[in-house]
Amino acid sequence: TQFVAYATGAPAEFGDRAEVERILDAAEKHQYGMRSIVQEIVQS
């Protein structure tokens, strides 16, 4: 949520929750590494 706010200039809202969870699910496979989190955010 902090990276999304920084990258987009707007905070993650309630409607963004599903996409945030999708990002987390994808990053979980890589133990929530920063590289995987950033890659998933950029592709989201």
PDB file of all heavy atoms in Angstrom:
ATOM      1  N   THR A   1       0.829  -1.210   0.000  1.00  0.00           N
ATOM      2  CA  THR A   1       0.000   0.000   0.000  1.00  0.00           C
ATOM      3  C   THR A   1       0.862   1.258   0.000  1.00  0.00           C
ATOM      4  O   THR A   1       0.506   2.241  -0.655  1.00  0.00           O
ATOM      5  CB  THR A   1      -0.978   0.022   1.190  1.00  0.00           C
ATOM      6  OG1 THR A   1      -0.262  -0.085   2.413  1.00  0.00           O
ATOM      7  CG2 THR A   1      -1.976  -1.110   1.087  1.00  0.00           C
ATOM      8  N   GLN A   2       1.991   1.223   0.690  1.00  0.00           N
ATOM      9  CA  GLN A   2       2.885   2.385   0.685  1.00  0.00           C
ATOM     10  C   GLN A   2       3.522   2.585  -0.692  1.00  0.00           C
ATOM     11  O   GLN A   2       3.614   3.704  -1.186  1.00  0.00           O
ATOM     12  CB  GLN A   2       3.970   2.227   1.759  1.00  0.00           C
ATOM     13  CG  GLN A   2       3.452   2.212   3.169  1.00  0.00           C
ATOM     14  CD  GLN A   2       2.742   3.491   3.549  1.00  0.00           C
ATOM     15  OE1 GLN A   2       3.170   4.587   3.208  1.00  0.00           O
ATOM     16  NE2 GLN A   2       1.624   3.352   4.245  1.00  0.00           N
ATOM     17  N   PHE A   3       3.966   1.492  -1.303  1.00  0.00           N
ATOM     18  CA  PHE A   3       4.570   1.583  -2.641  1.00  0.00           C
ATOM     19  C   PHE A   3       3.551   2.029  -3.681  1.00  0.00           C
ATOM     20  O   PHE A   3       3.884   2.807  -4.580  1.00  0.00           O
ATOM     21  CB  PHE A   3       5.185   0.250  -3.060  1.00  0.00           C
ATOM     22  CG  PHE A   3       6.494  -0.084  -2.394  1.00  0.00           C
ATOM     23  CD1 PHE A   3       6.926  -1.395  -2.331  1.00  0.00           C
ATOM     24  CD2 PHE A   3       7.294   0.894  -1.845  1.00  0.00           C
ATOM     25  CE1 PHE A   3       8.128  -1.722  -1.735  1.00  0.00           C
ATOM     26  CE2 PHE A   3       8.495   0.589  -1.244  1.00  0.00           C
ATOM     27  CZ  PHE A   3       8.919  -0.724  -1.187  1.00  0.00           C
ATOM     28  N   VAL A   4       2.326   1.540  -3.577  1.00  0.00           N
ATOM     29  CA  VAL A   4       1.276   1.955  -4.513  1.00  0.00           C
ATOM     30  C   VAL A   4       1.030   3.458  -4.375  1.00  0.00           C
ATOM     31  O   VAL A   4       0.921   4.177  -5.372  1.00  0.00           O
ATOM     32  CB  VAL A   4      -0.025   1.153  -4.290  1.00  0.00           C
ATOM     33  CG1 VAL A   4      -1.206   1.801  -4.997  1.00  0.00           C
ATOM     34  CG2 VAL A   4       0.157  -0.274  -4.775  1.00  0.00           C
ATOM     35  N   ALA A   5       0.960   3.931  -3.159  1.00  0.00           N
ATOM     36  CA  ALA A   5       0.750   5.369  -2.936  1.00  0.00           C
ATOM     37  C   ALA A   5       1.908   6.181  -3.514  1.00  0.00           C
ATOM     38  O   ALA A   5       1.693   7.217  -4.152  1.00  0.00           O
ATOM     39  CB  ALA A   5       0.585   5.654  -1.443  1.00  0.00           C
ATOM     40  N   TYR A   6       3.113   5.722  -3.322  1.00  0.00           N
ATOM     41  CA  TYR A   6       4.278   6.434  -3.849  1.00  0.00           C
ATOM     42  C   TYR A   6       4.304   6.386  -5.373  1.00  0.00           C
ATOM     43  O   TYR A   6       4.547   7.399  -6.034  1.00  0.00           O
ATOM     44  CB  TYR A   6       5.559   5.817  -3.281  1.00  0.00           C
ATOM     45  CG  TYR A   6       6.810   6.487  -3.761  1.00  0.00           C
ATOM     46  CD1 TYR A   6       7.215   7.709  -3.230  1.00  0.00           C
ATOM     47  CD2 TYR A   6       7.582   5.914  -4.765  1.00  0.00           C
ATOM     48  CE1 TYR A   6       8.367   8.333  -3.679  1.00  0.00           C
ATOM     49  CE2 TYR A   6       8.733   6.535  -5.223  1.00  0.00           C
ATOM     50  CZ  TYR A   6       9.115   7.746  -4.673  1.00  0.00           C
ATOM     51  OH  TYR A   6      10.245   8.366  -5.130  1.00  0.00           O
ATOM     52  N   ALA A   7       4.033   5.208  -5.935  1.00  0.00           N
ATOM     53  CA  ALA A   7       4.141   5.022  -7.390  1.00  0.00           C
ATOM     54  C   ALA A   7       3.040   5.736  -8.156  1.00  0.00           C
ATOM     55  O   ALA A   7       3.263   6.217  -9.266  1.00  0.00           O
ATOM     56  CB  ALA A   7       4.126   3.538  -7.730  1.00  0.00           C
ATOM     57  N   THR A   8       1.844   5.799  -7.587  1.00  0.00           N
ATOM     58  CA  THR A   8       0.713   6.372  -8.316  1.00  0.00           C
ATOM     59  C   THR A   8       0.371   7.789  -7.871  1.00  0.00           C
ATOM     60  O   THR A   8      -0.377   8.476  -8.556  1.00  0.00           O
ATOM     61  CB  THR A   8      -0.542   5.505  -8.143  1.00  0.00           C
ATOM     62  OG1 THR A   8      -0.924   5.484  -6.773  1.00  0.00           O
ATOM     63  CG2 THR A   8      -0.305   4.093  -8.650  1.00  0.00           C
ATOM     64  N   GLY A   9       0.860   8.176  -6.721  1.00  0.00           N
ATOM     65  CA  GLY A   9       0.519   9.497  -6.201  1.00  0.00           C
ATOM     66  C   GLY A   9      -0.824   9.532  -5.505  1.00  0.00           C
ATOM     67  O   GLY A   9      -1.296  10.592  -5.120  1.00  0.00           O
ATOM     68  N   ALA A  10      -1.455   8.364  -5.347  1.00  0.00           N
ATOM     69  CA  ALA A  10      -2.748   8.271  -4.683  1.00  0.00           C
ATOM     70  C   ALA A  10      -2.743   7.039  -3.786  1.00  0.00           C
ATOM     71  O   ALA A  10      -2.231   5.991  -4.179  1.00  0.00           O
ATOM     72  CB  ALA A  10      -3.871   8.161  -5.708  1.00  0.00           C
ATOM     73  N   PRO A  11      -3.320   7.150  -2.608  1.00  0.00           N
ATOM     74  CA  PRO A  11      -3.332   5.983  -1.713  1.00  0.00           C
ATOM     75  C   PRO A  11      -4.217   4.860  -2.257  1.00  0.00           C
ATOM     76  O   PRO A  11      -5.153   5.114  -3.018  1.00  0.00           O
ATOM     77  CB  PRO A  11      -3.912   6.548  -0.412  1.00  0.00           C
ATOM     78  CG  PRO A  11      -4.671   7.758  -0.814  1.00  0.00           C
ATOM     79  CD  PRO A  11      -3.986   8.312  -2.025  1.00  0.00           C
ATOM     80  N   ALA A  12      -3.883   3.639  -1.859  1.00  0.00           N
ATOM     81  CA  ALA A  12      -4.723   2.499  -2.223  1.00  0.00           C
ATOM     82  C   ALA A  12      -6.054   2.635  -1.493  1.00  0.00           C
ATOM     83  O   ALA A  12      -6.089   2.923  -0.298  1.00  0.00           O
ATOM     84  CB  ALA A  12      -4.033   1.195  -1.836  1.00  0.00           C
ATOM     85  N   GLU A  13      -7.133   2.464  -2.214  1.00  0.00           N
ATOM     86  CA  GLU A  13      -8.466   2.645  -1.642  1.00  0.00           C
ATOM     87  C   GLU A  13      -9.129   1.292  -1.417  1.00  0.00           C
ATOM     88  O   GLU A  13      -8.599   0.246  -1.783  1.00  0.00           O
ATOM     89  CB  GLU A  13      -9.306   3.501  -2.589  1.00  0.00           C
ATOM     90  CG  GLU A  13      -8.728   4.882  -2.788  1.00  0.00           C
ATOM     91  CD  GLU A  13      -9.463   5.681  -3.837  1.00  0.00           C
ATOM     92  OE1 GLU A  13     -10.299   5.112  -4.574  1.00  0.00           O
ATOM     93  OE2 GLU A  13      -9.188   6.881  -3.938  1.00  0.00           O
ATOM     94  N   PHE A  14     -10.327   1.327  -0.844  1.00  0.00           N
ATOM     95  CA  PHE A  14     -11.073   0.105  -0.565  1.00  0.00           C
ATOM     96  C   PHE A  14     -11.296  -0.706  -1.833  1.00  0.00           C
ATOM     97  O   PHE A  14     -11.169  -1.929  -1.828  1.00  0.00           O
ATOM     98  CB  PHE A  14     -12.414   0.452   0.093  1.00  0.00           C
ATOM     99  CG  PHE A  14     -13.209  -0.755   0.474  1.00  0.00           C
ATOM    100  CD1 PHE A  14     -12.909  -1.478   1.615  1.00  0.00           C
ATOM    101  CD2 PHE A  14     -14.258  -1.182  -0.323  1.00  0.00           C
ATOM    102  CE1 PHE A  14     -13.633  -2.600   1.955  1.00  0.00           C
ATOM    103  CE2 PHE A  14     -14.995  -2.302   0.007  1.00  0.00           C
ATOM    104  CZ  PHE A  14     -14.687  -3.010   1.159  1.00  0.00           C
ATOM    105  N   GLY A  15     -11.581  -0.045  -2.915  1.00  0.00           N
ATOM    106  CA  GLY A  15     -11.815  -0.728  -4.183  1.00  0.00           C
ATOM    107  C   GLY A  15     -10.574  -1.384  -4.762  1.00  0.00           C
ATOM    108  O   GLY A  15     -10.665  -2.219  -5.657  1.00  0.00           O
ATOM    109  N   ASP A  16      -9.406  -1.028  -4.262  1.00  0.00           N
ATOM    110  CA  ASP A  16      -8.144  -1.589  -4.733  1.00  0.00           C
ATOM    111  C   ASP A  16      -7.742  -2.835  -3.952  1.00  0.00           C
ATOM    112  O   ASP A  16      -6.722  -3.453  -4.250  1.00  0.00           O
ATOM    113  CB  ASP A  16      -7.021  -0.552  -4.607  1.00  0.00           C
ATOM    114  CG  ASP A  16      -7.305   0.714  -5.387  1.00  0.00           C
ATOM    115  OD1 ASP A  16      -7.981   0.623  -6.426  1.00  0.00           O
ATOM    116  OD2 ASP A  16      -6.849   1.790  -4.945  1.00  0.00           O
ATOM    117  N   ARG A  17      -8.541  -3.207  -2.979  1.00  0.00           N
ATOM    118  CA  ARG A  17      -8.190  -4.300  -2.072  1.00  0.00           C
ATOM    119  C   ARG A  17      -7.954  -5.618  -2.814  1.00  0.00           C
ATOM    120  O   ARG A  17      -7.010  -6.337  -2.510  1.00  0.00           O
ATOM    121  CB  ARG A  17      -9.285  -4.466  -1.026  1.00  0.00           C
ATOM    122  CG  ARG A  17      -8.965  -5.466   0.041  1.00  0.00           C
ATOM    123  CD  ARG A  17     -10.032  -5.515   1.065  1.00  0.00           C
ATOM    124  NE  ARG A  17     -11.308  -5.810   0.384  1.00  0.00           N
ATOM    125  CZ  ARG A  17     -12.472  -5.829   0.991  1.00  0.00           C
ATOM    126  NH1 ARG A  17     -12.553  -5.546   2.253  1.00  0.00           N
ATOM    127  NH2 ARG A  17     -13.568  -6.115   0.318  1.00  0.00           N
ATOM    128  N   ALA A  18      -8.785  -5.933  -3.779  1.00  0.00           N
ATOM    129  CA  ALA A  18      -8.622  -7.192  -4.515  1.00  0.00           C
ATOM    130  C   ALA A  18      -7.290  -7.231  -5.257  1.00  0.00           C
ATOM    131  O   ALA A  18      -6.610  -8.261  -5.281  1.00  0.00           O
ATOM    132  CB  ALA A  18      -9.780  -7.390  -5.486  1.00  0.00           C
ATOM    133  N   GLU A  19      -6.906  -6.128  -5.857  1.00  0.00           N
ATOM    134  CA  GLU A  19      -5.638  -6.075  -6.591  1.00  0.00           C
ATOM    135  C   GLU A  19      -4.454  -6.148  -5.621  1.00  0.00           C
ATOM    136  O   GLU A  19      -3.440  -6.792  -5.920  1.00  0.00           O
ATOM    137  CB  GLU A  19      -5.558  -4.807  -7.438  1.00  0.00           C
ATOM    138  CG  GLU A  19      -4.382  -4.743  -8.354  1.00  0.00           C
ATOM    139  CD  GLU A  19      -4.389  -5.782  -9.476  1.00  0.00           C
ATOM    140  OE1 GLU A  19      -5.420  -6.419  -9.723  1.00  0.00           O
ATOM    141  OE2 GLU A  19      -3.328  -5.968 -10.096  1.00  0.00           O
ATOM    142  N   VAL A  20      -4.571  -5.520  -4.470  1.00  0.00           N
ATOM    143  CA  VAL A  20      -3.518  -5.607  -3.448  1.00  0.00           C
ATOM    144  C   VAL A  20      -3.362  -7.059  -3.003  1.00  0.00           C
ATOM    145  O   VAL A  20      -2.240  -7.563  -2.881  1.00  0.00           O
ATOM    146  CB  VAL A  20      -3.827  -4.681  -2.248  1.00  0.00           C
ATOM    147  CG1 VAL A  20      -2.892  -4.971  -1.083  1.00  0.00           C
ATOM    148  CG2 VAL A  20      -3.715  -3.219  -2.656  1.00  0.00           C
ATOM    149  N   GLU A  21      -4.462  -7.757  -2.800  1.00  0.00           N
ATOM    150  CA  GLU A  21      -4.397  -9.164  -2.397  1.00  0.00           C
ATOM    151  C   GLU A  21      -3.798 -10.027  -3.504  1.00  0.00           C
ATOM    152  O   GLU A  21      -3.055 -10.967  -3.227  1.00  0.00           O
ATOM    153  CB  GLU A  21      -5.783  -9.678  -2.009  1.00  0.00           C
ATOM    154  CG  GLU A  21      -6.310  -9.074  -0.723  1.00  0.00           C
ATOM    155  CD  GLU A  21      -5.436  -9.333   0.484  1.00  0.00           C
ATOM    156  OE1 GLU A  21      -4.926 -10.463   0.651  1.00  0.00           O
ATOM    157  OE2 GLU A  21      -5.240  -8.391   1.278  1.00  0.00           O
ATOM    158  N   ARG A  22      -4.089  -9.711  -4.766  1.00  0.00           N
ATOM    159  CA  ARG A  22      -3.499 -10.442  -5.870  1.00  0.00           C
ATOM    160  C   ARG A  22      -1.985 -10.250  -5.898  1.00  0.00           C
ATOM    161  O   ARG A  22      -1.224 -11.189  -6.109  1.00  0.00           O
ATOM    162  CB  ARG A  22      -4.097 -10.001  -7.215  1.00  0.00           C
ATOM    163  CG  ARG A  22      -3.675 -10.892  -8.381  1.00  0.00           C
ATOM    164  CD  ARG A  22      -3.717 -10.193  -9.704  1.00  0.00           C
ATOM    165  NE  ARG A  22      -2.846  -9.033  -9.821  1.00  0.00           N
ATOM    166  CZ  ARG A  22      -1.518  -9.077  -9.965  1.00  0.00           C
ATOM    167  NH1 ARG A  22      -0.872 -10.218  -9.977  1.00  0.00           N
ATOM    168  NH2 ARG A  22      -0.813  -7.971 -10.086  1.00  0.00           N
ATOM    169  N   ILE A  23      -1.552  -9.021  -5.653  1.00  0.00           N
ATOM    170  CA  ILE A  23      -0.118  -8.727  -5.584  1.00  0.00           C
ATOM    171  C   ILE A  23       0.526  -9.524  -4.456  1.00  0.00           C
ATOM    172  O   ILE A  23       1.597 -10.113  -4.621  1.00  0.00           O
ATOM    173  CB  ILE A  23       0.113  -7.208  -5.403  1.00  0.00           C
ATOM    174  CG1 ILE A  23      -0.299  -6.460  -6.668  1.00  0.00           C
ATOM    175  CG2 ILE A  23       1.569  -6.915  -5.042  1.00  0.00           C
ATOM    176  CD1 ILE A  23      -0.399  -4.955  -6.487  1.00  0.00           C
ATOM    177  N   LEU A  24      -0.133  -9.559  -3.306  1.00  0.00           N
ATOM    178  CA  LEU A  24       0.396 -10.303  -2.164  1.00  0.00           C
ATOM    179  C   LEU A  24       0.464 -11.798  -2.449  1.00  0.00           C
ATOM    180  O   LEU A  24       1.435 -12.464  -2.076  1.00  0.00           O
ATOM    181  CB  LEU A  24      -0.449 -10.034  -0.919  1.00  0.00           C
ATOM    182  CG  LEU A  24      -0.318  -8.645  -0.328  1.00  0.00           C
ATOM    183  CD1 LEU A  24      -1.381  -8.410   0.723  1.00  0.00           C
ATOM    184  CD2 LEU A  24       1.066  -8.423   0.243  1.00  0.00           C
ATOM    185  N   ASP A  25      -0.567 -12.330  -3.096  1.00  0.00           N
ATOM    186  CA  ASP A  25      -0.572 -13.755  -3.433  1.00  0.00           C
ATOM    187  C   ASP A  25       0.601 -14.096  -4.349  1.00  0.00           C
ATOM    188  O   ASP A  25       1.270 -15.121  -4.169  1.00  0.00           O
ATOM    189  CB  ASP A  25      -1.886 -14.148  -4.100  1.00  0.00           C
ATOM    190  CG  ASP A  25      -3.063 -14.131  -3.137  1.00  0.00           C
ATOM    191  OD1 ASP A  25      -2.842 -14.162  -1.904  1.00  0.00           O
ATOM    192  OD2 ASP A  25      -4.215 -14.073  -3.622  1.00  0.00           O
ATOM    193  N   ALA A  26       0.854 -13.258  -5.323  1.00  0.00           N
ATOM    194  CA  ALA A  26       1.960 -13.497  -6.247  1.00  0.00           C
ATOM    195  C   ALA A  26       3.315 -13.355  -5.545  1.00  0.00           C
ATOM    196  O   ALA A  26       4.236 -14.132  -5.797  1.00  0.00           O
ATOM    197  CB  ALA A  26       1.875 -12.538  -7.430  1.00  0.00           C
ATOM    198  N   ALA A  27       3.432 -12.378  -4.661  1.00  0.00           N
ATOM    199  CA  ALA A  27       4.695 -12.145  -3.955  1.00  0.00           C
ATOM    200  C   ALA A  27       4.959 -13.204  -2.890  1.00  0.00           C
ATOM    201  O   ALA A  27       6.112 -13.441  -2.520  1.00  0.00           O
ATOM    202  CB  ALA A  27       4.692 -10.757  -3.326  1.00  0.00           C
ATOM    203  N   GLU A  28       3.910 -13.845  -2.412  1.00  0.00           N
ATOM    204  CA  GLU A  28       4.069 -14.872  -1.381  1.00  0.00           C
ATOM    205  C   GLU A  28       4.939 -16.028  -1.874  1.00  0.00           C
ATOM    206  O   GLU A  28       5.701 -16.612  -1.107  1.00  0.00           O
ATOM    207  CB  GLU A  28       2.697 -15.393  -0.959  1.00  0.00           C
ATOM    208  CG  GLU A  28       2.746 -16.408   0.162  1.00  0.00           C
ATOM    209  CD  GLU A  28       1.370 -16.848   0.581  1.00  0.00           C
ATOM    210  OE1 GLU A  28       0.427 -16.787  -0.238  1.00  0.00           O
ATOM    211  OE2 GLU A  28       1.235 -17.275   1.735  1.00  0.00           O
ATOM    212  N   LYS A  29       4.852 -16.327  -3.155  1.00  0.00           N
ATOM    213  CA  LYS A  29       5.647 -17.409  -3.745  1.00  0.00           C
ATOM    214  C   LYS A  29       7.142 -17.142  -3.618  1.00  0.00           C
ATOM    215  O   LYS A  29       7.946 -18.054  -3.680  1.00  0.00           O
ATOM    216  CB  LYS A  29       5.280 -17.590  -5.212  1.00  0.00           C
ATOM    217  CG  LYS A  29       3.842 -17.962  -5.438  1.00  0.00           C
ATOM    218  CD  LYS A  29       3.482 -17.883  -6.898  1.00  0.00           C
ATOM    219  CE  LYS A  29       1.974 -18.014  -7.060  1.00  0.00           C
ATOM    220  NZ  LYS A  29       1.530 -17.638  -8.389  1.00  0.00           N
ATOM    221  N   HIS A  30       7.503 -15.869  -3.439  1.00  0.00           N
ATOM    222  CA  HIS A  30       8.907 -15.460  -3.325  1.00  0.00           C
ATOM    223  C   HIS A  30       9.203 -14.898  -1.938  1.00  0.00           C
ATOM    224  O   HIS A  30      10.071 -14.033  -1.786  1.00  0.00           O
ATOM    225  CB  HIS A  30       9.237 -14.429  -4.400  1.00  0.00           C
ATOM    226  CG  HIS A  30       8.968 -14.922  -5.788  1.00  0.00           C
ATOM    227  ND1 HIS A  30       9.787 -15.802  -6.439  1.00  0.00           N
ATOM    228  CD2 HIS A  30       7.932 -14.688  -6.636  1.00  0.00           C
ATOM    229  CE1 HIS A  30       9.295 -16.073  -7.627  1.00  0.00           C
ATOM    230  NE2 HIS A  30       8.157 -15.412  -7.776  1.00  0.00           N
ATOM    231  N   GLN A  31       8.455 -15.377  -0.942  1.00  0.00           N
ATOM    232  CA  GLN A  31       8.623 -14.971   0.461  1.00  0.00           C
ATOM    233  C   GLN A  31       8.526 -13.459   0.650  1.00  0.00           C
ATOM    234  O   GLN A  31       9.238 -12.868   1.454  1.00  0.00           O
ATOM    235  CB  GLN A  31       9.954 -15.482   1.044  1.00  0.00           C
ATOM    236  CG  GLN A  31      10.053 -16.977   1.190  1.00  0.00           C
ATOM    237  CD  GLN A  31      10.393 -17.681  -0.106  1.00  0.00           C
ATOM    238  OE1 GLN A  31      11.204 -17.193  -0.896  1.00  0.00           O
ATOM    239  NE2 GLN A  31       9.765 -18.803  -0.343  1.00  0.00           N
ATOM    240  N   TYR A  32       7.666 -12.829  -0.123  1.00  0.00           N
ATOM    241  CA  TYR A  32       7.405 -11.391  -0.042  1.00  0.00           C
ATOM    242  C   TYR A  32       8.671 -10.555  -0.235  1.00  0.00           C
ATOM    243  O   TYR A  32       8.865  -9.522   0.407  1.00  0.00           O
ATOM    244  CB  TYR A  32       6.747 -11.019   1.289  1.00  0.00           C
ATOM    245  CG  TYR A  32       5.451 -11.731   1.542  1.00  0.00           C
ATOM    246  CD1 TYR A  32       5.337 -12.688   2.535  1.00  0.00           C
ATOM    247  CD2 TYR A  32       4.334 -11.461   0.771  1.00  0.00           C
ATOM    248  CE1 TYR A  32       4.144 -13.352   2.762  1.00  0.00           C
ATOM    249  CE2 TYR A  32       3.132 -12.116   0.987  1.00  0.00           C
ATOM    250  CZ  TYR A  32       3.049 -13.056   1.992  1.00  0.00           C
ATOM    251  OH  TYR A  32       1.870 -13.706   2.205  1.00  0.00           O
ATOM    252  N   GLY A  33       9.521 -10.995  -1.133  1.00  0.00           N
ATOM    253  CA  GLY A  33      10.734 -10.237  -1.423  1.00  0.00           C
ATOM    254  C   GLY A  33      10.399  -8.898  -2.063  1.00  0.00           C
ATOM    255  O   GLY A  33       9.410  -8.760  -2.794  1.00  0.00           O
ATOM    256  N   MET A  34      11.208  -7.895  -1.784  1.00  0.00           N
ATOM    257  CA  MET A  34      10.952  -6.551  -2.305  1.00  0.00           C
ATOM    258  C   MET A  34      10.941  -6.537  -3.829  1.00  0.00           C
ATOM    259  O   MET A  34      10.117  -5.869  -4.434  1.00  0.00           O
ATOM    260  CB  MET A  34      12.001  -5.557  -1.800  1.00  0.00           C
ATOM    261  CG  MET A  34      11.837  -5.165  -0.363  1.00  0.00           C
ATOM    262  SD  MET A  34      10.256  -4.331  -0.097  1.00  0.00           S
ATOM    263  CE  MET A  34       9.583  -5.388   1.151  1.00  0.00           C
ATOM    264  N   ARG A  35      11.833  -7.284  -4.439  1.00  0.00           N
ATOM    265  CA  ARG A  35      11.876  -7.322  -5.905  1.00  0.00           C
ATOM    266  C   ARG A  35      10.555  -7.842  -6.466  1.00  0.00           C
ATOM    267  O   ARG A  35       9.999  -7.275  -7.407  1.00  0.00           O
ATOM    268  CB  ARG A  35      13.027  -8.186  -6.384  1.00  0.00           C
ATOM    269  CG  ARG A  35      13.037  -8.358  -7.908  1.00  0.00           C
ATOM    270  CD  ARG A  35      14.185  -9.184  -8.361  1.00  0.00           C
ATOM    271  NE  ARG A  35      15.342  -8.300  -8.384  1.00  0.00           N
ATOM    272  CZ  ARG A  35      16.565  -8.684  -8.653  1.00  0.00           C
ATOM    273  NH1 ARG A  35      16.814  -9.952  -8.892  1.00  0.00           N
ATOM    274  NH2 ARG A  35      17.550  -7.820  -8.662  1.00  0.00           N
ATOM    275  N   SER A  36      10.040  -8.915  -5.890  1.00  0.00           N
ATOM    276  CA  SER A  36       8.788  -9.479  -6.397  1.00  0.00           C
ATOM    277  C   SER A  36       7.616  -8.544  -6.125  1.00  0.00           C
ATOM    278  O   SER A  36       6.716  -8.411  -6.963  1.00  0.00           O
ATOM    279  CB  SER A  36       8.536 -10.864  -5.806  1.00  0.00           C
ATOM    280  OG  SER A  36       8.381 -10.806  -4.413  1.00  0.00           O
ATOM    281  N   ILE A  37       7.615  -7.870  -4.991  1.00  0.00           N
ATOM    282  CA  ILE A  37       6.537  -6.918  -4.682  1.00  0.00           C
ATOM    283  C   ILE A  37       6.552  -5.775  -5.688  1.00  0.00           C
ATOM    284  O   ILE A  37       5.514  -5.424  -6.256  1.00  0.00           O
ATOM    285  CB  ILE A  37       6.652  -6.400  -3.243  1.00  0.00           C
ATOM    286  CG1 ILE A  37       6.269  -7.509  -2.254  1.00  0.00           C
ATOM    287  CG2 ILE A  37       5.777  -5.170  -3.031  1.00  0.00           C
ATOM    288  CD1 ILE A  37       6.473  -7.148  -0.802  1.00  0.00           C
ATOM    289  N   VAL A  38       7.719  -5.215  -5.934  1.00  0.00           N
ATOM    290  CA  VAL A  38       7.817  -4.096  -6.877  1.00  0.00           C
ATOM    291  C   VAL A  38       7.435  -4.546  -8.288  1.00  0.00           C
ATOM    292  O   VAL A  38       6.698  -3.843  -8.987  1.00  0.00           O
ATOM    293  CB  VAL A  38       9.235  -3.475  -6.848  1.00  0.00           C
ATOM    294  CG1 VAL A  38       9.420  -2.481  -7.982  1.00  0.00           C
ATOM    295  CG2 VAL A  38       9.484  -2.809  -5.507  1.00  0.00           C
ATOM    296  N   GLN A  39       7.889  -5.721  -8.713  1.00  0.00           N
ATOM    297  CA  GLN A  39       7.539  -6.211 -10.046  1.00  0.00           C
ATOM    298  C   GLN A  39       6.032  -6.412 -10.185  1.00  0.00           C
ATOM    299  O   GLN A  39       5.449  -6.056 -11.208  1.00  0.00           O
ATOM    300  CB  GLN A  39       8.256  -7.527 -10.333  1.00  0.00           C
ATOM    301  CG  GLN A  39       9.719  -7.342 -10.635  1.00  0.00           C
ATOM    302  CD  GLN A  39      10.439  -8.662 -10.840  1.00  0.00           C
ATOM    303  OE1 GLN A  39       9.979  -9.713 -10.417  1.00  0.00           O
ATOM    304  NE2 GLN A  39      11.591  -8.584 -11.475  1.00  0.00           N
ATOM    305  N   GLU A  40       5.404  -6.968  -9.166  1.00  0.00           N
ATOM    306  CA  GLU A  40       3.960  -7.184  -9.221  1.00  0.00           C
ATOM    307  C   GLU A  40       3.197  -5.865  -9.234  1.00  0.00           C
ATOM    308  O   GLU A  40       2.185  -5.730  -9.921  1.00  0.00           O
ATOM    309  CB  GLU A  40       3.499  -8.054  -8.048  1.00  0.00           C
ATOM    310  CG  GLU A  40       3.968  -9.480  -8.130  1.00  0.00           C
ATOM    311  CD  GLU A  40       3.465 -10.205  -9.358  1.00  0.00           C
ATOM    312  OE1 GLU A  40       2.330  -9.953  -9.793  1.00  0.00           O
ATOM    313  OE2 GLU A  40       4.221 -11.044  -9.882  1.00  0.00           O
ATOM    314  N   ILE A  41       3.663  -4.883  -8.500  1.00  0.00           N
ATOM    315  CA  ILE A  41       3.003  -3.571  -8.486  1.00  0.00           C
ATOM    316  C   ILE A  41       3.105  -2.924  -9.863  1.00  0.00           C
ATOM    317  O   ILE A  41       2.123  -2.411 -10.397  1.00  0.00           O
ATOM    318  CB  ILE A  41       3.592  -2.659  -7.398  1.00  0.00           C
ATOM    319  CG1 ILE A  41       3.182  -3.156  -6.017  1.00  0.00           C
ATOM    320  CG2 ILE A  41       3.133  -1.206  -7.593  1.00  0.00           C
ATOM    321  CD1 ILE A  41       3.868  -2.459  -4.869  1.00  0.00           C
ATOM    322  N   VAL A  42       4.287  -2.959 -10.445  1.00  0.00           N
ATOM    323  CA  VAL A  42       4.496  -2.321 -11.748  1.00  0.00           C
ATOM    324  C   VAL A  42       3.651  -2.979 -12.832  1.00  0.00           C
ATOM    325  O   VAL A  42       3.188  -2.319 -13.756  1.00  0.00           O
ATOM    326  CB  VAL A  42       6.001  -2.340 -12.114  1.00  0.00           C
ATOM    327  CG1 VAL A  42       6.230  -1.908 -13.545  1.00  0.00           C
ATOM    328  CG2 VAL A  42       6.773  -1.441 -11.164  1.00  0.00           C
ATOM    329  N   GLN A  43       3.387  -4.276 -12.707  1.00  0.00           N
ATOM    330  CA  GLN A  43       2.590  -4.995 -13.693  1.00  0.00           C
ATOM    331  C   GLN A  43       1.095  -4.955 -13.379  1.00  0.00           C
ATOM    332  O   GLN A  43       0.294  -5.412 -14.183  1.00  0.00           O
ATOM    333  CB  GLN A  43       3.046  -6.450 -13.765  1.00  0.00           C
ATOM    334  CG  GLN A  43       4.457  -6.599 -14.262  1.00  0.00           C
ATOM    335  CD  GLN A  43       4.975  -8.014 -14.136  1.00  0.00           C
ATOM    336  OE1 GLN A  43       4.287  -8.908 -13.668  1.00  0.00           O
ATOM    337  NE2 GLN A  43       6.206  -8.214 -14.555  1.00  0.00           N
ATOM    338  N   SER A  44       0.721  -4.384 -12.257  1.00  0.00           N
ATOM    339  CA  SER A  44      -0.680  -4.402 -11.824  1.00  0.00           C
ATOM    340  C   SER A  44      -1.515  -3.306 -12.500  1.00  0.00           C
ATOM    341  O   SER A  44      -0.982  -2.312 -13.009  1.00  0.00           O
ATOM    342  CB  SER A  44      -0.759  -4.229 -10.317  1.00  0.00           C
ATOM    343  OG  SER A  44      -0.468  -2.897  -9.960  1.00  0.00           O
TER     344      SER A  44
END
